[in-house]
Amino acid sequence: MKLVFLYHPVDNLMDSLSYYRDTLGFEEAWREGEQAIALQLPGSDVKLLIENDEHDLGAGGVFLVNSVDEFYEEKKDILSFIREPMDIPPGRYAIYKDASGNVMRIIDFANE
């Protein structure tokens, strides 16, 4: 697993983009419609992903795995998945909670 994004749900995507880009100096890396924007963290390969979704789950890391489906099949009986694998534009995505209830997001880039 490798950390690829810090996920922050936001109330207003464009206001948040302005804050992170114009106030903090982050550069826009890519955008997925009107729902999600990735911002490059200076001096890091990790990106900040702001999205107007999943507010109830809170902020946290998004970790790259070779295959979300394989990870899920190997771990589904020992981890508490709250979102089973699903398609997203770059690949597959799932969410589980760690032993303390923290949200752990996993992603693969199978569609790139």
PDB file of N, CA and C in Angstrom:
ATOM      1  N   MET A   1       0.843  -1.186   0.000  1.00  0.00           N
ATOM      2  CA  MET A   1       0.000   0.000   0.000  1.00  0.00           C
ATOM      3  C   MET A   1       0.884   1.242   0.000  1.00  0.00           C
ATOM      4  N   LYS A   2       0.430   2.212  -0.761  1.00  0.00           N
ATOM      5  CA  LYS A   2       1.168   3.471  -0.861  1.00  0.00           C
ATOM      6  C   LYS A   2       0.168   4.619  -0.779  1.00  0.00           C
ATOM      7  N   LEU A   3       0.456   5.605   0.061  1.00  0.00           N
ATOM      8  CA  LEU A   3      -0.404   6.773   0.171  1.00  0.00           C
ATOM      9  C   LEU A   3      -0.310   7.593  -1.109  1.00  0.00           C
ATOM     10  N   VAL A   4      -1.454   7.834  -1.757  1.00  0.00           N
ATOM     11  CA  VAL A   4      -1.460   8.628  -2.984  1.00  0.00           C
ATOM     12  C   VAL A   4      -2.264   9.922  -2.848  1.00  0.00           C
ATOM     13  N   PHE A   5      -3.267   9.922  -1.971  1.00  0.00           N
ATOM     14  CA  PHE A   5      -4.097  11.109  -1.771  1.00  0.00           C
ATOM     15  C   PHE A   5      -4.370  11.311  -0.293  1.00  0.00           C
ATOM     16  N   LEU A   6      -4.477  12.564   0.106  1.00  0.00           N
ATOM     17  CA  LEU A   6      -5.126  12.928   1.349  1.00  0.00           C
ATOM     18  C   LEU A   6      -6.517  13.383   0.940  1.00  0.00           C
ATOM     19  N   TYR A   7      -7.532  12.746   1.472  1.00  0.00           N
ATOM     20  CA  TYR A   7      -8.906  13.022   1.075  1.00  0.00           C
ATOM     21  C   TYR A   7      -9.544  14.008   2.052  1.00  0.00           C
ATOM     22  N   HIS A   8     -10.095  15.109   1.498  1.00  0.00           N
ATOM     23  CA  HIS A   8     -10.811  16.079   2.311  1.00  0.00           C
ATOM     24  C   HIS A   8     -12.172  16.358   1.682  1.00  0.00           C
ATOM     25  N   PRO A   9     -13.251  15.934   2.346  1.00  0.00           N
ATOM     26  CA  PRO A   9     -14.573  16.328   1.844  1.00  0.00           C
ATOM     27  C   PRO A   9     -14.773  17.821   2.095  1.00  0.00           C
ATOM     28  N   VAL A  10     -15.365  18.510   1.149  1.00  0.00           N
ATOM     29  CA  VAL A  10     -15.555  19.957   1.260  1.00  0.00           C
ATOM     30  C   VAL A  10     -17.011  20.317   0.986  1.00  0.00           C
ATOM     31  N   ASP A  11     -17.432  21.457   1.514  1.00  0.00           N
ATOM     32  CA  ASP A  11     -18.808  21.917   1.312  1.00  0.00           C
ATOM     33  C   ASP A  11     -18.986  22.588  -0.045  1.00  0.00           C
ATOM     34  N   ASN A  12     -17.975  23.334  -0.470  1.00  0.00           N
ATOM     35  CA  ASN A  12     -18.065  24.059  -1.733  1.00  0.00           C
ATOM     36  C   ASN A  12     -16.756  23.840  -2.490  1.00  0.00           C
ATOM     37  N   LEU A  13     -16.822  23.076  -3.562  1.00  0.00           N
ATOM     38  CA  LEU A  13     -15.622  22.684  -4.295  1.00  0.00           C
ATOM     39  C   LEU A  13     -14.846  23.878  -4.834  1.00  0.00           C
ATOM     40  N   MET A  14     -15.525  24.841  -5.436  1.00  0.00           N
ATOM     41  CA  MET A  14     -14.827  25.980  -6.041  1.00  0.00           C
ATOM     42  C   MET A  14     -14.232  26.910  -4.985  1.00  0.00           C
ATOM     43  N   ASP A  15     -14.938  27.133  -3.876  1.00  0.00           N
ATOM     44  CA  ASP A  15     -14.371  27.933  -2.786  1.00  0.00           C
ATOM     45  C   ASP A  15     -13.137  27.240  -2.215  1.00  0.00           C
ATOM     46  N   SER A  16     -13.214  25.922  -2.064  1.00  0.00           N
ATOM     47  CA  SER A  16     -12.082  25.170  -1.530  1.00  0.00           C
ATOM     48  C   SER A  16     -10.903  25.186  -2.496  1.00  0.00           C
ATOM     49  N   LEU A  17     -11.189  25.060  -3.794  1.00  0.00           N
ATOM     50  CA  LEU A  17     -10.128  25.146  -4.789  1.00  0.00           C
ATOM     51  C   LEU A  17      -9.419  26.489  -4.676  1.00  0.00           C
ATOM     52  N   SER A  18     -10.181  27.553  -4.582  1.00  0.00           N
ATOM     53  CA  SER A  18      -9.597  28.881  -4.453  1.00  0.00           C
ATOM     54  C   SER A  18      -8.718  28.976  -3.213  1.00  0.00           C
ATOM     55  N   TYR A  19      -9.177  28.432  -2.110  1.00  0.00           N
ATOM     56  CA  TYR A  19      -8.404  28.477  -0.869  1.00  0.00           C
ATOM     57  C   TYR A  19      -7.075  27.733  -1.008  1.00  0.00           C
ATOM     58  N   TYR A  20      -7.144  26.478  -1.439  1.00  0.00           N
ATOM     59  CA  TYR A  20      -5.923  25.673  -1.522  1.00  0.00           C
ATOM     60  C   TYR A  20      -4.970  26.166  -2.617  1.00  0.00           C
ATOM     61  N   ARG A  21      -5.512  26.595  -3.738  1.00  0.00           N
ATOM     62  CA  ARG A  21      -4.677  27.055  -4.855  1.00  0.00           C
ATOM     63  C   ARG A  21      -4.163  28.470  -4.629  1.00  0.00           C
ATOM     64  N   ASP A  22      -5.077  29.404  -4.372  1.00  0.00           N
ATOM     65  CA  ASP A  22      -4.714  30.819  -4.319  1.00  0.00           C
ATOM     66  C   ASP A  22      -4.121  31.237  -2.973  1.00  0.00           C
ATOM     67  N   THR A  23      -4.609  30.669  -1.898  1.00  0.00           N
ATOM     68  CA  THR A  23      -4.111  31.034  -0.569  1.00  0.00           C
ATOM     69  C   THR A  23      -2.883  30.228  -0.174  1.00  0.00           C
ATOM     70  N   LEU A  24      -2.924  28.913  -0.439  1.00  0.00           N
ATOM     71  CA  LEU A  24      -1.830  28.040  -0.006  1.00  0.00           C
ATOM     72  C   LEU A  24      -0.824  27.712  -1.101  1.00  0.00           C
ATOM     73  N   GLY A  25      -1.151  28.002  -2.358  1.00  0.00           N
ATOM     74  CA  GLY A  25      -0.202  27.803  -3.447  1.00  0.00           C
ATOM     75  C   GLY A  25      -0.132  26.398  -4.021  1.00  0.00           C
ATOM     76  N   PHE A  26      -1.116  25.548  -3.719  1.00  0.00           N
ATOM     77  CA  PHE A  26      -1.138  24.220  -4.330  1.00  0.00           C
ATOM     78  C   PHE A  26      -1.482  24.359  -5.806  1.00  0.00           C
ATOM     79  N   GLU A  27      -0.989  23.435  -6.623  1.00  0.00           N
ATOM     80  CA  GLU A  27      -1.292  23.453  -8.051  1.00  0.00           C
ATOM     81  C   GLU A  27      -2.318  22.387  -8.380  1.00  0.00           C
ATOM     82  N   GLU A  28      -3.273  22.741  -9.244  1.00  0.00           N
ATOM     83  CA  GLU A  28      -4.278  21.770  -9.654  1.00  0.00           C
ATOM     84  C   GLU A  28      -3.613  20.695 -10.511  1.00  0.00           C
ATOM     85  N   ALA A  29      -3.837  19.431 -10.146  1.00  0.00           N
ATOM     86  CA  ALA A  29      -3.265  18.305 -10.885  1.00  0.00           C
ATOM     87  C   ALA A  29      -4.264  17.751 -11.894  1.00  0.00           C
ATOM     88  N   TRP A  30      -5.512  17.594 -11.485  1.00  0.00           N
ATOM     89  CA  TRP A  30      -6.578  17.147 -12.370  1.00  0.00           C
ATOM     90  C   TRP A  30      -7.920  17.387 -11.704  1.00  0.00           C
ATOM     91  N   ARG A  31      -8.954  17.218 -12.505  1.00  0.00           N
ATOM     92  CA  ARG A  31     -10.313  17.472 -12.023  1.00  0.00           C
ATOM     93  C   ARG A  31     -11.252  16.430 -12.610  1.00  0.00           C
ATOM     94  N   GLU A  32     -12.213  16.010 -11.816  1.00  0.00           N
ATOM     95  CA  GLU A  32     -13.244  15.067 -12.259  1.00  0.00           C
ATOM     96  C   GLU A  32     -14.580  15.792 -12.188  1.00  0.00           C
ATOM     97  N   GLY A  33     -14.926  16.444 -13.300  1.00  0.00           N
ATOM     98  CA  GLY A  33     -16.182  17.171 -13.378  1.00  0.00           C
ATOM     99  C   GLY A  33     -16.323  18.228 -12.299  1.00  0.00           C
ATOM    100  N   GLU A  34     -17.501  18.304 -11.731  1.00  0.00           N
ATOM    101  CA  GLU A  34     -17.798  19.270 -10.678  1.00  0.00           C
ATOM    102  C   GLU A  34     -17.818  18.605  -9.309  1.00  0.00           C
ATOM    103  N   GLN A  35     -17.192  17.425  -9.203  1.00  0.00           N
ATOM    104  CA  GLN A  35     -17.243  16.677  -7.954  1.00  0.00           C
ATOM    105  C   GLN A  35     -15.899  16.589  -7.237  1.00  0.00           C
ATOM    106  N   ALA A  36     -14.797  16.485  -7.981  1.00  0.00           N
ATOM    107  CA  ALA A  36     -13.504  16.234  -7.339  1.00  0.00           C
ATOM    108  C   ALA A  36     -12.376  16.970  -8.057  1.00  0.00           C
ATOM    109  N   ILE A  37     -11.425  17.450  -7.254  1.00  0.00           N
ATOM    110  CA  ILE A  37     -10.229  18.098  -7.783  1.00  0.00           C
ATOM    111  C   ILE A  37      -9.030  17.605  -6.975  1.00  0.00           C
ATOM    112  N   ALA A  38      -7.976  17.220  -7.679  1.00  0.00           N
ATOM    113  CA  ALA A  38      -6.729  16.834  -7.019  1.00  0.00           C
ATOM    114  C   ALA A  38      -5.756  17.994  -7.115  1.00  0.00           C
ATOM    115  N   LEU A  39      -5.075  18.255  -6.017  1.00  0.00           N
ATOM    116  CA  LEU A  39      -4.101  19.338  -5.933  1.00  0.00           C
ATOM    117  C   LEU A  39      -2.756  18.763  -5.535  1.00  0.00           C
ATOM    118  N   GLN A  40      -1.729  19.194  -6.224  1.00  0.00           N
ATOM    119  CA  GLN A  40      -0.384  18.705  -5.939  1.00  0.00           C
ATOM    120  C   GLN A  40       0.151  19.353  -4.672  1.00  0.00           C
ATOM    121  N   LEU A  41       0.575  18.525  -3.722  1.00  0.00           N
ATOM    122  CA  LEU A  41       1.209  19.040  -2.514  1.00  0.00           C
ATOM    123  C   LEU A  41       2.659  19.369  -2.842  1.00  0.00           C
ATOM    124  N   PRO A  42       3.108  20.571  -2.589  1.00  0.00           N
ATOM    125  CA  PRO A  42       4.487  20.956  -2.911  1.00  0.00           C
ATOM    126  C   PRO A  42       5.509  20.018  -2.257  1.00  0.00           C
ATOM    127  N   GLY A  43       6.474  19.583  -3.048  1.00  0.00           N
ATOM    128  CA  GLY A  43       7.540  18.738  -2.543  1.00  0.00           C
ATOM    129  C   GLY A  43       7.138  17.319  -2.220  1.00  0.00           C
ATOM    130  N   SER A  44       6.027  16.844  -2.771  1.00  0.00           N
ATOM    131  CA  SER A  44       5.530  15.512  -2.443  1.00  0.00           C
ATOM    132  C   SER A  44       4.883  14.864  -3.661  1.00  0.00           C
ATOM    133  N   ASP A  45       4.883  13.537  -3.683  1.00  0.00           N
ATOM    134  CA  ASP A  45       4.138  12.807  -4.709  1.00  0.00           C
ATOM    135  C   ASP A  45       2.670  12.663  -4.322  1.00  0.00           C
ATOM    136  N   VAL A  46       2.352  12.932  -3.063  1.00  0.00           N
ATOM    137  CA  VAL A  46       0.984  12.814  -2.561  1.00  0.00           C
ATOM    138  C   VAL A  46       0.178  14.022  -3.011  1.00  0.00           C
ATOM    139  N   LYS A  47      -1.072  13.774  -3.358  1.00  0.00           N
ATOM    140  CA  LYS A  47      -1.971  14.852  -3.772  1.00  0.00           C
ATOM    141  C   LYS A  47      -3.081  15.017  -2.740  1.00  0.00           C
ATOM    142  N   LEU A  48      -3.598  16.230  -2.651  1.00  0.00           N
ATOM    143  CA  LEU A  48      -4.773  16.506  -1.839  1.00  0.00           C
ATOM    144  C   LEU A  48      -5.979  16.361  -2.748  1.00  0.00           C
ATOM    145  N   LEU A  49      -6.913  15.497  -2.373  1.00  0.00           N
ATOM    146  CA  LEU A  49      -8.125  15.291  -3.152  1.00  0.00           C
ATOM    147  C   LEU A  49      -9.272  15.946  -2.405  1.00  0.00           C
ATOM    148  N   ILE A  50      -9.831  17.011  -2.988  1.00  0.00           N
ATOM    149  CA  ILE A  50     -11.001  17.657  -2.400  1.00  0.00           C
ATOM    150  C   ILE A  50     -12.215  17.216  -3.202  1.00  0.00           C
ATOM    151  N   GLU A  51     -13.271  16.915  -2.476  1.00  0.00           N
ATOM    152  CA  GLU A  51     -14.452  16.358  -3.133  1.00  0.00           C
ATOM    153  C   GLU A  51     -15.689  16.746  -2.338  1.00  0.00           C
ATOM    154  N   ASN A  52     -16.773  16.980  -3.037  1.00  0.00           N
ATOM    155  CA  ASN A  52     -18.019  17.321  -2.361  1.00  0.00           C
ATOM    156  C   ASN A  52     -18.872  16.063  -2.175  1.00  0.00           C
ATOM    157  N   ASP A  53     -18.258  15.055  -1.528  1.00  0.00           N
ATOM    158  CA  ASP A  53     -18.901  13.765  -1.306  1.00  0.00           C
ATOM    159  C   ASP A  53     -18.331  13.154  -0.027  1.00  0.00           C
ATOM    160  N   GLU A  54     -19.002  12.183   0.505  1.00  0.00           N
ATOM    161  CA  GLU A  54     -18.553  11.405   1.668  1.00  0.00           C
ATOM    162  C   GLU A  54     -18.271  12.255   2.900  1.00  0.00           C
ATOM    163  N   HIS A  55     -19.057  13.299   3.114  1.00  0.00           N
ATOM    164  CA  HIS A  55     -18.875  14.150   4.293  1.00  0.00           C
ATOM    165  C   HIS A  55     -18.979  13.353   5.583  1.00  0.00           C
ATOM    166  N   ASP A  56     -19.894  12.409   5.612  1.00  0.00           N
ATOM    167  CA  ASP A  56     -20.124  11.643   6.837  1.00  0.00           C
ATOM    168  C   ASP A  56     -18.941  10.750   7.203  1.00  0.00           C
ATOM    169  N   LEU A  57     -18.069  10.455   6.257  1.00  0.00           N
ATOM    170  CA  LEU A  57     -16.919   9.583   6.528  1.00  0.00           C
ATOM    171  C   LEU A  57     -15.688  10.355   6.967  1.00  0.00           C
ATOM    172  N   GLY A  58     -15.625  11.641   6.685  1.00  0.00           N
ATOM    173  CA  GLY A  58     -14.507  12.463   7.116  1.00  0.00           C
ATOM    174  C   GLY A  58     -13.268  12.348   6.245  1.00  0.00           C
ATOM    175  N   ALA A  59     -12.242  13.057   6.663  1.00  0.00           N
ATOM    176  CA  ALA A  59     -10.976  13.108   5.935  1.00  0.00           C
ATOM    177  C   ALA A  59     -10.137  11.871   6.239  1.00  0.00           C
ATOM    178  N   GLY A  60      -9.148  11.637   5.366  1.00  0.00           N
ATOM    179  CA  GLY A  60      -8.235  10.519   5.599  1.00  0.00           C
ATOM    180  C   GLY A  60      -7.407  10.224   4.370  1.00  0.00           C
ATOM    181  N   GLY A  61      -6.605   9.193   4.464  1.00  0.00           N
ATOM    182  CA  GLY A  61      -5.738   8.804   3.368  1.00  0.00           C
ATOM    183  C   GLY A  61      -6.439   7.919   2.358  1.00  0.00           C
ATOM    184  N   VAL A  62      -5.956   7.970   1.135  1.00  0.00           N
ATOM    185  CA  VAL A  62      -6.374   7.058   0.070  1.00  0.00           C
ATOM    186  C   VAL A  62      -5.110   6.318  -0.353  1.00  0.00           C
ATOM    187  N   PHE A  63      -5.149   5.001  -0.248  1.00  0.00           N
ATOM    188  CA  PHE A  63      -3.966   4.182  -0.460  1.00  0.00           C
ATOM    189  C   PHE A  63      -4.080   3.366  -1.750  1.00  0.00           C
ATOM    190  N   LEU A  64      -3.016   3.372  -2.520  1.00  0.00           N
ATOM    191  CA  LEU A  64      -2.947   2.619  -3.762  1.00  0.00           C
ATOM    192  C   LEU A  64      -2.608   1.160  -3.457  1.00  0.00           C
ATOM    193  N   VAL A  65      -3.389   0.253  -4.042  1.00  0.00           N
ATOM    194  CA  VAL A  65      -3.109  -1.183  -3.980  1.00  0.00           C
ATOM    195  C   VAL A  65      -3.055  -1.703  -5.411  1.00  0.00           C
ATOM    196  N   ASN A  66      -2.449  -2.850  -5.596  1.00  0.00           N
ATOM    197  CA  ASN A  66      -2.357  -3.414  -6.950  1.00  0.00           C
ATOM    198  C   ASN A  66      -3.730  -3.701  -7.524  1.00  0.00           C
ATOM    199  N   SER A  67      -4.603  -4.283  -6.709  1.00  0.00           N
ATOM    200  CA  SER A  67      -5.953  -4.609  -7.143  1.00  0.00           C
ATOM    201  C   SER A  67      -6.900  -4.495  -5.963  1.00  0.00           C
ATOM    202  N   VAL A  68      -7.868  -3.593  -6.060  1.00  0.00           N
ATOM    203  CA  VAL A  68      -8.870  -3.439  -5.003  1.00  0.00           C
ATOM    204  C   VAL A  68      -9.649  -4.734  -4.842  1.00  0.00           C
ATOM    205  N   ASP A  69      -9.995  -5.376  -5.956  1.00  0.00           N
ATOM    206  CA  ASP A  69     -10.783  -6.608  -5.877  1.00  0.00           C
ATOM    207  C   ASP A  69     -10.014  -7.723  -5.176  1.00  0.00           C
ATOM    208  N   GLU A  70      -8.736  -7.875  -5.488  1.00  0.00           N
ATOM    209  CA  GLU A  70      -7.928  -8.897  -4.824  1.00  0.00           C
ATOM    210  C   GLU A  70      -7.754  -8.578  -3.345  1.00  0.00           C
ATOM    211  N   PHE A  71      -7.485  -7.311  -3.011  1.00  0.00           N
ATOM    212  CA  PHE A  71      -7.347  -6.897  -1.620  1.00  0.00           C
ATOM    213  C   PHE A  71      -8.632  -7.217  -0.864  1.00  0.00           C
ATOM    214  N   TYR A  72      -9.759  -6.868  -1.450  1.00  0.00           N
ATOM    215  CA  TYR A  72     -11.055  -7.122  -0.827  1.00  0.00           C
ATOM    216  C   TYR A  72     -11.259  -8.619  -0.596  1.00  0.00           C
ATOM    217  N   GLU A  73     -11.016  -9.428  -1.605  1.00  0.00           N
ATOM    218  CA  GLU A  73     -11.216 -10.881  -1.466  1.00  0.00           C
ATOM    219  C   GLU A  73     -10.310 -11.471  -0.386  1.00  0.00           C
ATOM    220  N   GLU A  74      -9.080 -10.992  -0.310  1.00  0.00           N
ATOM    221  CA  GLU A  74      -8.133 -11.500   0.685  1.00  0.00           C
ATOM    222  C   GLU A  74      -8.460 -11.037   2.102  1.00  0.00           C
ATOM    223  N   LYS A  75      -9.078  -9.868   2.242  1.00  0.00           N
ATOM    224  CA  LYS A  75      -9.250  -9.257   3.562  1.00  0.00           C
ATOM    225  C   LYS A  75     -10.696  -9.110   4.027  1.00  0.00           C
ATOM    226  N   LYS A  76     -11.677  -9.473   3.212  1.00  0.00           N
ATOM    227  CA  LYS A  76     -13.076  -9.176   3.546  1.00  0.00           C
ATOM    228  C   LYS A  76     -13.544  -9.850   4.831  1.00  0.00           C
ATOM    229  N   ASP A  77     -12.937 -10.944   5.220  1.00  0.00           N
ATOM    230  CA  ASP A  77     -13.358 -11.634   6.437  1.00  0.00           C
ATOM    231  C   ASP A  77     -12.666 -11.102   7.688  1.00  0.00           C
ATOM    232  N   ILE A  78     -11.624 -10.278   7.516  1.00  0.00           N
ATOM    233  CA  ILE A  78     -10.906  -9.775   8.685  1.00  0.00           C
ATOM    234  C   ILE A  78     -10.961  -8.252   8.819  1.00  0.00           C
ATOM    235  N   LEU A  79     -11.399  -7.559   7.789  1.00  0.00           N
ATOM    236  CA  LEU A  79     -11.539  -6.103   7.836  1.00  0.00           C
ATOM    237  C   LEU A  79     -13.012  -5.730   7.783  1.00  0.00           C
ATOM    238  N   SER A  80     -13.340  -4.567   8.309  1.00  0.00           N
ATOM    239  CA  SER A  80     -14.727  -4.081   8.318  1.00  0.00           C
ATOM    240  C   SER A  80     -14.957  -3.145   7.137  1.00  0.00           C
ATOM    241  N   PHE A  81     -15.318  -3.720   5.999  1.00  0.00           N
ATOM    242  CA  PHE A  81     -15.575  -2.912   4.806  1.00  0.00           C
ATOM    243  C   PHE A  81     -16.918  -2.207   4.939  1.00  0.00           C
ATOM    244  N   ILE A  82     -16.914  -0.908   4.657  1.00  0.00           N
ATOM    245  CA  ILE A  82     -18.157  -0.134   4.664  1.00  0.00           C
ATOM    246  C   ILE A  82     -18.567   0.254   3.248  1.00  0.00           C
ATOM    247  N   ARG A  83     -17.683   0.070   2.288  1.00  0.00           N
ATOM    248  CA  ARG A  83     -18.003   0.249   0.878  1.00  0.00           C
ATOM    249  C   ARG A  83     -17.242  -0.812   0.102  1.00  0.00           C
ATOM    250  N   GLU A  84     -17.982  -1.714  -0.505  1.00  0.00           N
ATOM    251  CA  GLU A  84     -17.366  -2.779  -1.292  1.00  0.00           C
ATOM    252  C   GLU A  84     -16.787  -2.200  -2.577  1.00  0.00           C
ATOM    253  N   PRO A  85     -15.910  -2.947  -3.240  1.00  0.00           N
ATOM    254  CA  PRO A  85     -15.289  -2.433  -4.463  1.00  0.00           C
ATOM    255  C   PRO A  85     -16.312  -1.908  -5.469  1.00  0.00           C
ATOM    256  N   MET A  86     -15.981  -0.766  -6.040  1.00  0.00           N
ATOM    257  CA  MET A  86     -16.842  -0.122  -7.035  1.00  0.00           C
ATOM    258  C   MET A  86     -15.980   0.533  -8.098  1.00  0.00           C
ATOM    259  N   ASP A  87     -16.567   0.746  -9.253  1.00  0.00           N
ATOM    260  CA  ASP A  87     -15.872   1.425 -10.346  1.00  0.00           C
ATOM    261  C   ASP A  87     -15.850   2.925 -10.102  1.00  0.00           C
ATOM    262  N   ILE A  88     -14.702   3.525 -10.382  1.00  0.00           N
ATOM    263  CA  ILE A  88     -14.550   4.971 -10.443  1.00  0.00           C
ATOM    264  C   ILE A  88     -13.713   5.242 -11.693  1.00  0.00           C
ATOM    265  N   PRO A  89     -13.652   6.485 -12.173  1.00  0.00           N
ATOM    266  CA  PRO A  89     -12.966   6.718 -13.457  1.00  0.00           C
ATOM    267  C   PRO A  89     -11.566   6.103 -13.598  1.00  0.00           C
ATOM    268  N   PRO A  90     -10.668   6.216 -12.599  1.00  0.00           N
ATOM    269  CA  PRO A  90      -9.345   5.635 -12.868  1.00  0.00           C
ATOM    270  C   PRO A  90      -9.238   4.140 -12.600  1.00  0.00           C
ATOM    271  N   GLY A  91     -10.231   3.530 -11.938  1.00  0.00           N
ATOM    272  CA  GLY A  91     -10.113   2.101 -11.624  1.00  0.00           C
ATOM    273  C   GLY A  91     -11.181   1.629 -10.670  1.00  0.00           C
ATOM    274  N   ARG A  92     -10.726   1.066  -9.529  1.00  0.00           N
ATOM    275  CA  ARG A  92     -11.642   0.523  -8.528  1.00  0.00           C
ATOM    276  C   ARG A  92     -11.352   1.178  -7.180  1.00  0.00           C
ATOM    277  N   TYR A  93     -12.346   1.156  -6.283  1.00  0.00           N
ATOM    278  CA  TYR A  93     -12.283   1.892  -5.028  1.00  0.00           C
ATOM    279  C   TYR A  93     -13.082   1.140  -3.985  1.00  0.00           C
ATOM    280  N   ALA A  94     -12.624   1.127  -2.739  1.00  0.00           N
ATOM    281  CA  ALA A  94     -13.352   0.526  -1.623  1.00  0.00           C
ATOM    282  C   ALA A  94     -12.939   1.236  -0.340  1.00  0.00           C
ATOM    283  N   ILE A  95     -13.736   1.036   0.709  1.00  0.00           N
ATOM    284  CA  ILE A  95     -13.469   1.679   1.994  1.00  0.00           C
ATOM    285  C   ILE A  95     -13.684   0.662   3.109  1.00  0.00           C
ATOM    286  N   TYR A  96     -12.765   0.672   4.070  1.00  0.00           N
ATOM    287  CA  TYR A  96     -12.952  -0.123   5.280  1.00  0.00           C
ATOM    288  C   TYR A  96     -12.550   0.728   6.479  1.00  0.00           C
ATOM    289  N   LYS A  97     -12.857   0.241   7.671  1.00  0.00           N
ATOM    290  CA  LYS A  97     -12.463   0.938   8.898  1.00  0.00           C
ATOM    291  C   LYS A  97     -11.392   0.123   9.607  1.00  0.00           C
ATOM    292  N   ASP A  98     -10.420   0.850  10.187  1.00  0.00           N
ATOM    293  CA  ASP A  98      -9.379   0.166  10.940  1.00  0.00           C
ATOM    294  C   ASP A  98      -9.906  -0.190  12.334  1.00  0.00           C
ATOM    295  N   ALA A  99      -9.062  -0.754  13.170  1.00  0.00           N
ATOM    296  CA  ALA A  99      -9.471  -1.230  14.485  1.00  0.00           C
ATOM    297  C   ALA A  99      -9.973  -0.112  15.400  1.00  0.00           C
ATOM    298  N   SER A 100      -9.612   1.141  15.099  1.00  0.00           N
ATOM    299  CA  SER A 100     -10.062   2.281  15.898  1.00  0.00           C
ATOM    300  C   SER A 100     -11.238   3.014  15.260  1.00  0.00           C
ATOM    301  N   GLY A 101     -11.733   2.507  14.137  1.00  0.00           N
ATOM    302  CA  GLY A 101     -12.865   3.131  13.459  1.00  0.00           C
ATOM    303  C   GLY A 101     -12.495   4.194  12.453  1.00  0.00           C
ATOM    304  N   ASN A 102     -11.190   4.355  12.180  1.00  0.00           N
ATOM    305  CA  ASN A 102     -10.762   5.317  11.169  1.00  0.00           C
ATOM    306  C   ASN A 102     -11.052   4.779   9.774  1.00  0.00           C
ATOM    307  N   VAL A 103     -11.463   5.664   8.881  1.00  0.00           N
ATOM    308  CA  VAL A 103     -11.776   5.274   7.513  1.00  0.00           C
ATOM    309  C   VAL A 103     -10.487   5.107   6.715  1.00  0.00           C
ATOM    310  N   MET A 104     -10.388   3.985   6.020  1.00  0.00           N
ATOM    311  CA  MET A 104      -9.249   3.673   5.159  1.00  0.00           C
ATOM    312  C   MET A 104      -9.798   3.474   3.748  1.00  0.00           C
ATOM    313  N   ARG A 105      -9.355   4.306   2.827  1.00  0.00           N
ATOM    314  CA  ARG A 105      -9.792   4.202   1.442  1.00  0.00           C
ATOM    315  C   ARG A 105      -8.696   3.554   0.624  1.00  0.00           C
ATOM    316  N   ILE A 106      -9.076   2.637  -0.269  1.00  0.00           N
ATOM    317  CA  ILE A 106      -8.111   2.010  -1.165  1.00  0.00           C
ATOM    318  C   ILE A 106      -8.559   2.221  -2.606  1.00  0.00           C
ATOM    319  N   ILE A 107      -7.583   2.290  -3.488  1.00  0.00           N
ATOM    320  CA  ILE A 107      -7.835   2.563  -4.897  1.00  0.00           C
ATOM    321  C   ILE A 107      -6.833   1.784  -5.732  1.00  0.00           C
ATOM    322  N   ASP A 108      -7.249   1.451  -6.941  1.00  0.00           N
ATOM    323  CA  ASP A 108      -6.289   0.999  -7.941  1.00  0.00           C
ATOM    324  C   ASP A 108      -6.532   1.810  -9.204  1.00  0.00           C
ATOM    325  N   PHE A 109      -5.590   1.778 -10.103  1.00  0.00           N
ATOM    326  CA  PHE A 109      -5.718   2.549 -11.345  1.00  0.00           C
ATOM    327  C   PHE A 109      -5.851   1.610 -12.531  1.00  0.00           C
ATOM    328  N   ALA A 110      -6.724   0.628 -12.400  1.00  0.00           N
ATOM    329  CA  ALA A 110      -6.906  -0.407 -13.401  1.00  0.00           C
ATOM    330  C   ALA A 110      -7.373   0.133 -14.755  1.00  0.00           C
ATOM    331  N   ASN A 111      -8.034   1.270 -14.767  1.00  0.00           N
ATOM    332  CA  ASN A 111      -8.577   1.817 -16.017  1.00  0.00           C
ATOM    333  C   ASN A 111      -7.671   2.832 -16.687  1.00  0.00           C
ATOM    334  N   GLU A 112      -6.460   3.016 -16.169  1.00  0.00           N
ATOM    335  CA  GLU A 112      -5.556   3.986 -16.791  1.00  0.00           C
ATOM    336  C   GLU A 112      -4.684   3.324 -17.814  1.00  0.00           C
TER     337      GLU A 112
END
